[in-house]
Amino acid sequence: MFTGIITGVGRIADLLALGSSLDHGKRLTIEAPPGYLDDVGLGDSIALNGACMTVTSLDLPGQCFTIDISAESLARTTSLATVGTRINLEKALRAHDRLGGHIVSGHVDGIGRVTRFEQVGESWELCVLAPRELGKYLAYKGSITVNGVSLTVNRVSDTPDGCEFSINLIPHTVENTSLGQLASGSPVNLEIDTVARYVERMLSAPATSLSTFAPASKDFSA
């Protein structure tokens, strides 16, 4: 579990195919900021641009770690297969940590496309076109994760091509995440709000399926 608060920006330093067919995944070597890996161990979870991955090896002197990503994950995410790409990093949430963003699972729900990224005053407006099927989870002042960053939706507009939403990025976010390198047309990983996911299920599921797991009533009469 994560919060969408980025704790470092890394870089894909190397990419190794784990097999010769399209069914095989890749092994990524990630360069981390100095000191970032000091409290990381083998098997720990780190989100890369919002996608939860497992640390498979550590090189503390070189400030690098590796992860193995399956062909399925590569097909359902973006920006994780090019050497030199800067990526957002977040270590898994610990029980005593502050929940500074919102509850994030690290499972990418879809790939969006940037339609606008321009400076407005001291901040930046980022507009993203999400797949149509994700539109029902997006709401004004609701939460969305873009490339692993917890953000607040300022505007939602349903279009024939999907659902476009707008968010405001303060200078701190632009400077301390990889979102500052986005441009119109850039693909981005999206994860919807966990709460919205459960609300949609409760509203759409047949009443019989929800009552199946309802606790049995108890009779406390004498």
Protein backbone atom coordinates (compact mmCIF):
# COMPACT_ATOMS: atom_id res chain seq x y z
CA MET A 1 0.00 0.00 0.00
CA PHE A 2 1.11 3.55 -0.81
CA THR A 3 -0.06 7.14 -0.36
CA GLY A 4 0.85 8.80 -3.66
CA ILE A 5 3.44 11.04 -1.97
CA ILE A 6 6.61 10.69 -4.04
CA THR A 7 9.75 10.15 -1.97
CA GLY A 8 12.32 10.28 -4.76
CA VAL A 9 12.86 10.44 -8.50
CA GLY A 10 14.91 7.66 -10.07
CA ARG A 11 16.10 6.77 -13.54
CA ILE A 12 15.92 3.56 -15.59
CA ALA A 13 19.61 2.80 -16.04
CA ASP A 14 19.42 -0.58 -17.77
CA LEU A 15 16.90 -2.94 -19.32
CA LEU A 16 17.41 -6.68 -19.70
CA ALA A 17 15.03 -9.02 -21.51
CA LEU A 18 14.15 -12.08 -19.43
CA GLY A 19 13.46 -14.16 -22.52
CA SER A 20 13.31 -14.07 -26.30
CA SER A 21 9.54 -13.92 -26.82
CA LEU A 22 6.86 -11.32 -26.17
CA ASP A 23 5.64 -13.49 -23.30
CA HIS A 24 8.77 -12.70 -21.33
CA GLY A 25 9.20 -9.64 -19.13
CA LYS A 26 12.13 -7.35 -18.42
CA ARG A 27 14.61 -6.76 -15.63
CA LEU A 28 14.98 -3.06 -14.87
CA THR A 29 17.93 -1.49 -13.10
CA ILE A 30 16.87 1.70 -11.36
CA GLU A 31 19.20 4.44 -10.18
CA ALA A 32 17.92 5.95 -6.93
CA PRO A 33 18.79 9.26 -5.22
CA PRO A 34 21.73 9.19 -2.75
CA GLY A 35 20.75 7.47 0.50
CA TYR A 36 17.34 6.42 -0.80
CA LEU A 37 18.05 2.71 -0.49
CA ASP A 38 19.58 2.81 3.00
CA ASP A 39 16.44 1.36 4.61
CA VAL A 40 15.40 -0.88 1.71
CA GLY A 41 15.78 -4.67 1.75
CA LEU A 42 15.33 -7.48 -0.75
CA GLY A 43 11.66 -8.20 -1.33
CA ASP A 44 10.52 -4.72 -0.36
CA SER A 45 7.87 -3.00 -2.46
CA ILE A 46 8.61 0.24 -4.32
CA ALA A 47 6.15 1.92 -6.66
CA LEU A 48 7.61 2.97 -10.01
CA ASN A 49 5.45 5.63 -11.66
CA GLY A 50 2.57 4.24 -9.63
CA ALA A 51 3.16 0.54 -10.36
CA CYS A 52 4.04 -1.60 -7.33
CA MET A 53 7.22 -3.63 -7.92
CA THR A 54 9.41 -5.92 -5.81
CA VAL A 55 13.10 -5.24 -5.19
CA THR A 56 15.05 -8.27 -6.47
CA SER A 57 18.61 -7.05 -5.93
CA LEU A 58 20.40 -4.13 -4.29
CA ASP A 59 23.63 -2.32 -5.07
CA LEU A 60 24.00 0.13 -2.19
CA PRO A 61 27.42 1.56 -3.24
CA GLY A 62 26.04 2.15 -6.72
CA GLN A 63 22.66 3.40 -5.41
CA CYS A 64 20.84 0.99 -7.73
CA PHE A 65 18.22 -1.73 -7.41
CA THR A 66 16.56 -4.11 -9.83
CA ILE A 67 12.98 -5.24 -10.33
CA ASP A 68 11.50 -7.87 -12.62
CA ILE A 69 8.42 -6.74 -14.52
CA SER A 70 6.19 -9.22 -16.35
CA ALA A 71 4.99 -8.87 -19.93
CA GLU A 72 1.46 -8.39 -18.55
CA SER A 73 2.56 -5.45 -16.40
CA LEU A 74 4.49 -3.91 -19.28
CA ALA A 75 1.40 -4.11 -21.47
CA ARG A 76 -0.80 -2.39 -18.87
CA THR A 77 1.56 0.40 -17.85
CA THR A 78 3.61 3.06 -19.60
CA SER A 79 7.09 4.62 -19.32
CA LEU A 80 8.70 1.55 -17.75
CA ALA A 81 10.56 0.14 -20.73
CA THR A 82 12.92 2.90 -21.90
CA VAL A 83 16.45 3.40 -20.62
CA GLY A 84 17.02 6.94 -19.37
CA THR A 85 13.43 7.57 -18.33
CA ARG A 86 13.02 9.48 -15.05
CA ILE A 87 10.44 7.81 -12.82
CA ASN A 88 8.65 8.59 -9.58
CA LEU A 89 9.57 6.40 -6.61
CA GLU A 90 7.59 5.67 -3.46
CA LYS A 91 8.41 3.12 -0.78
CA ALA A 92 5.55 1.07 0.65
CA LEU A 93 3.54 2.63 3.47
CA ARG A 94 4.53 1.58 7.01
CA ALA A 95 1.96 1.23 9.80
CA HIS A 96 3.20 4.33 11.65
CA ASP A 97 3.52 6.60 8.58
CA ARG A 98 1.31 9.59 7.89
CA LEU A 99 -1.28 9.13 5.14
CA GLY A 100 -0.36 12.35 3.37
CA GLY A 101 -2.07 11.65 0.05
CA HIS A 102 -4.78 8.99 -0.26
CA ILE A 103 -4.92 5.19 -0.16
CA VAL A 104 -3.04 3.89 -3.22
CA SER A 105 -2.64 0.21 -4.07
CA GLY A 106 0.07 0.50 -6.73
CA HIS A 107 -2.12 -1.26 -9.32
CA VAL A 108 -2.47 0.71 -12.56
CA ASP A 109 -6.11 0.83 -13.75
CA GLY A 110 -5.48 2.37 -17.15
CA ILE A 111 -3.29 4.56 -19.31
CA GLY A 112 -4.29 8.17 -19.89
CA ARG A 113 -2.99 10.75 -22.34
CA VAL A 114 -1.97 14.33 -21.52
CA THR A 115 -4.07 16.81 -23.50
CA ARG A 116 -2.73 20.00 -21.94
CA PHE A 117 0.18 20.91 -19.70
CA GLU A 118 0.68 24.64 -19.36
CA GLN A 119 1.71 27.12 -16.70
CA VAL A 120 -1.13 29.14 -15.20
CA GLY A 121 0.08 31.79 -12.80
CA GLU A 122 2.61 30.24 -10.43
CA SER A 123 1.18 26.75 -10.94
CA TRP A 124 0.62 24.34 -13.82
CA GLU A 125 -2.60 22.95 -15.27
CA LEU A 126 -2.41 19.29 -16.26
CA CYS A 127 -5.29 17.87 -18.31
CA VAL A 128 -5.48 14.15 -18.95
CA LEU A 129 -7.86 12.11 -21.11
CA ALA A 130 -8.69 8.91 -19.22
CA PRO A 131 -10.21 5.78 -20.77
CA ARG A 132 -14.02 5.99 -20.90
CA GLU A 133 -14.43 3.08 -18.46
CA LEU A 134 -12.61 5.03 -15.74
CA GLY A 135 -14.81 8.10 -16.06
CA LYS A 136 -17.38 6.90 -13.50
CA TYR A 137 -14.66 6.89 -10.83
CA LEU A 138 -13.59 10.51 -11.40
CA ALA A 139 -15.30 13.31 -9.48
CA TYR A 140 -14.76 16.99 -8.71
CA LYS A 141 -12.39 17.27 -5.72
CA GLY A 142 -11.90 13.51 -5.75
CA SER A 143 -8.51 11.80 -5.80
CA ILE A 144 -6.60 10.33 -8.74
CA THR A 145 -3.07 8.94 -9.02
CA VAL A 146 -1.07 10.06 -12.06
CA ASN A 147 2.29 8.30 -12.51
CA GLY A 148 2.16 7.49 -8.82
CA VAL A 149 1.39 11.03 -7.62
CA SER A 150 -1.70 11.62 -5.47
CA LEU A 151 -3.62 14.55 -7.00
CA THR A 152 -6.97 16.31 -6.64
CA VAL A 153 -9.38 16.53 -9.56
CA ASN A 154 -10.45 20.11 -10.31
CA ARG A 155 -12.66 19.48 -13.34
CA VAL A 156 -14.24 16.49 -15.09
CA SER A 157 -15.64 16.43 -18.62
CA ASP A 158 -17.04 13.36 -20.38
CA THR A 159 -16.23 13.28 -24.10
CA PRO A 160 -16.82 10.78 -26.91
CA ASP A 161 -13.16 9.75 -26.62
CA GLY A 162 -13.10 9.26 -22.85
CA CYS A 163 -13.16 11.34 -19.69
CA GLU A 164 -10.94 14.42 -19.49
CA PHE A 165 -9.97 15.69 -16.07
CA SER A 166 -7.94 18.68 -14.98
CA ILE A 167 -5.60 18.97 -12.01
CA ASN A 168 -3.47 21.78 -10.61
CA LEU A 169 0.22 21.21 -9.92
CA ILE A 170 2.01 23.51 -7.51
CA PRO A 171 5.69 24.31 -8.26
CA HIS A 172 6.86 21.92 -5.50
CA THR A 173 5.15 18.97 -7.23
CA VAL A 174 6.58 19.88 -10.64
CA GLU A 175 10.09 20.24 -9.21
CA ASN A 176 10.09 17.11 -7.03
CA THR A 177 8.42 14.55 -9.30
CA SER A 178 8.83 13.47 -12.89
CA LEU A 179 5.53 15.15 -13.85
CA GLY A 180 7.45 18.24 -14.92
CA GLN A 181 8.72 16.40 -18.02
CA LEU A 182 5.22 15.69 -19.35
CA ALA A 183 3.93 17.27 -22.55
CA SER A 184 0.78 17.14 -24.63
CA GLY A 185 0.44 13.57 -25.90
CA SER A 186 2.46 11.96 -23.09
CA PRO A 187 0.99 8.68 -21.79
CA VAL A 188 0.54 8.38 -18.01
CA ASN A 189 -0.33 5.62 -15.56
CA LEU A 190 -3.65 6.13 -13.77
CA GLU A 191 -5.01 4.56 -10.59
CA ILE A 192 -8.51 5.42 -9.43
CA ASP A 193 -9.42 6.11 -5.82
CA THR A 194 -9.93 2.90 -3.83
CA VAL A 195 -13.01 4.29 -2.09
CA ALA A 196 -14.62 5.13 -5.45
CA ARG A 197 -13.98 1.56 -6.58
CA TYR A 198 -15.95 0.11 -3.66
CA VAL A 199 -18.76 2.67 -3.92
CA GLU A 200 -19.24 1.82 -7.60
CA ARG A 201 -19.38 -1.89 -6.77
CA MET A 202 -21.96 -1.39 -4.02
CA LEU A 203 -24.15 0.73 -6.27
CA SER A 204 -23.96 -1.55 -9.31
CA ALA A 205 -24.07 -5.02 -7.73
CA PRO A 206 -27.45 -6.82 -7.53
CA ALA A 207 -28.99 -6.63 -4.07
CA THR A 208 -28.91 -10.44 -3.80
CA SER A 209 -25.12 -10.59 -4.23
CA LEU A 210 -24.58 -7.99 -1.51
CA SER A 211 -26.93 -9.67 0.93
CA THR A 212 -25.18 -13.01 0.51
CA PHE A 213 -22.43 -11.91 2.90
CA ALA A 214 -24.67 -9.99 5.30
CA PRO A 215 -24.30 -11.18 8.90
CA ALA A 216 -27.17 -13.23 10.20
CA SER A 217 -29.51 -11.42 12.56
CA LYS A 218 -29.49 -12.43 16.19
CA ASP A 219 -32.46 -12.86 18.46
CA PHE A 220 -31.67 -11.58 21.93
CA SER A 221 -35.18 -12.04 23.26
CA ALA A 222 -35.67 -14.17 26.35
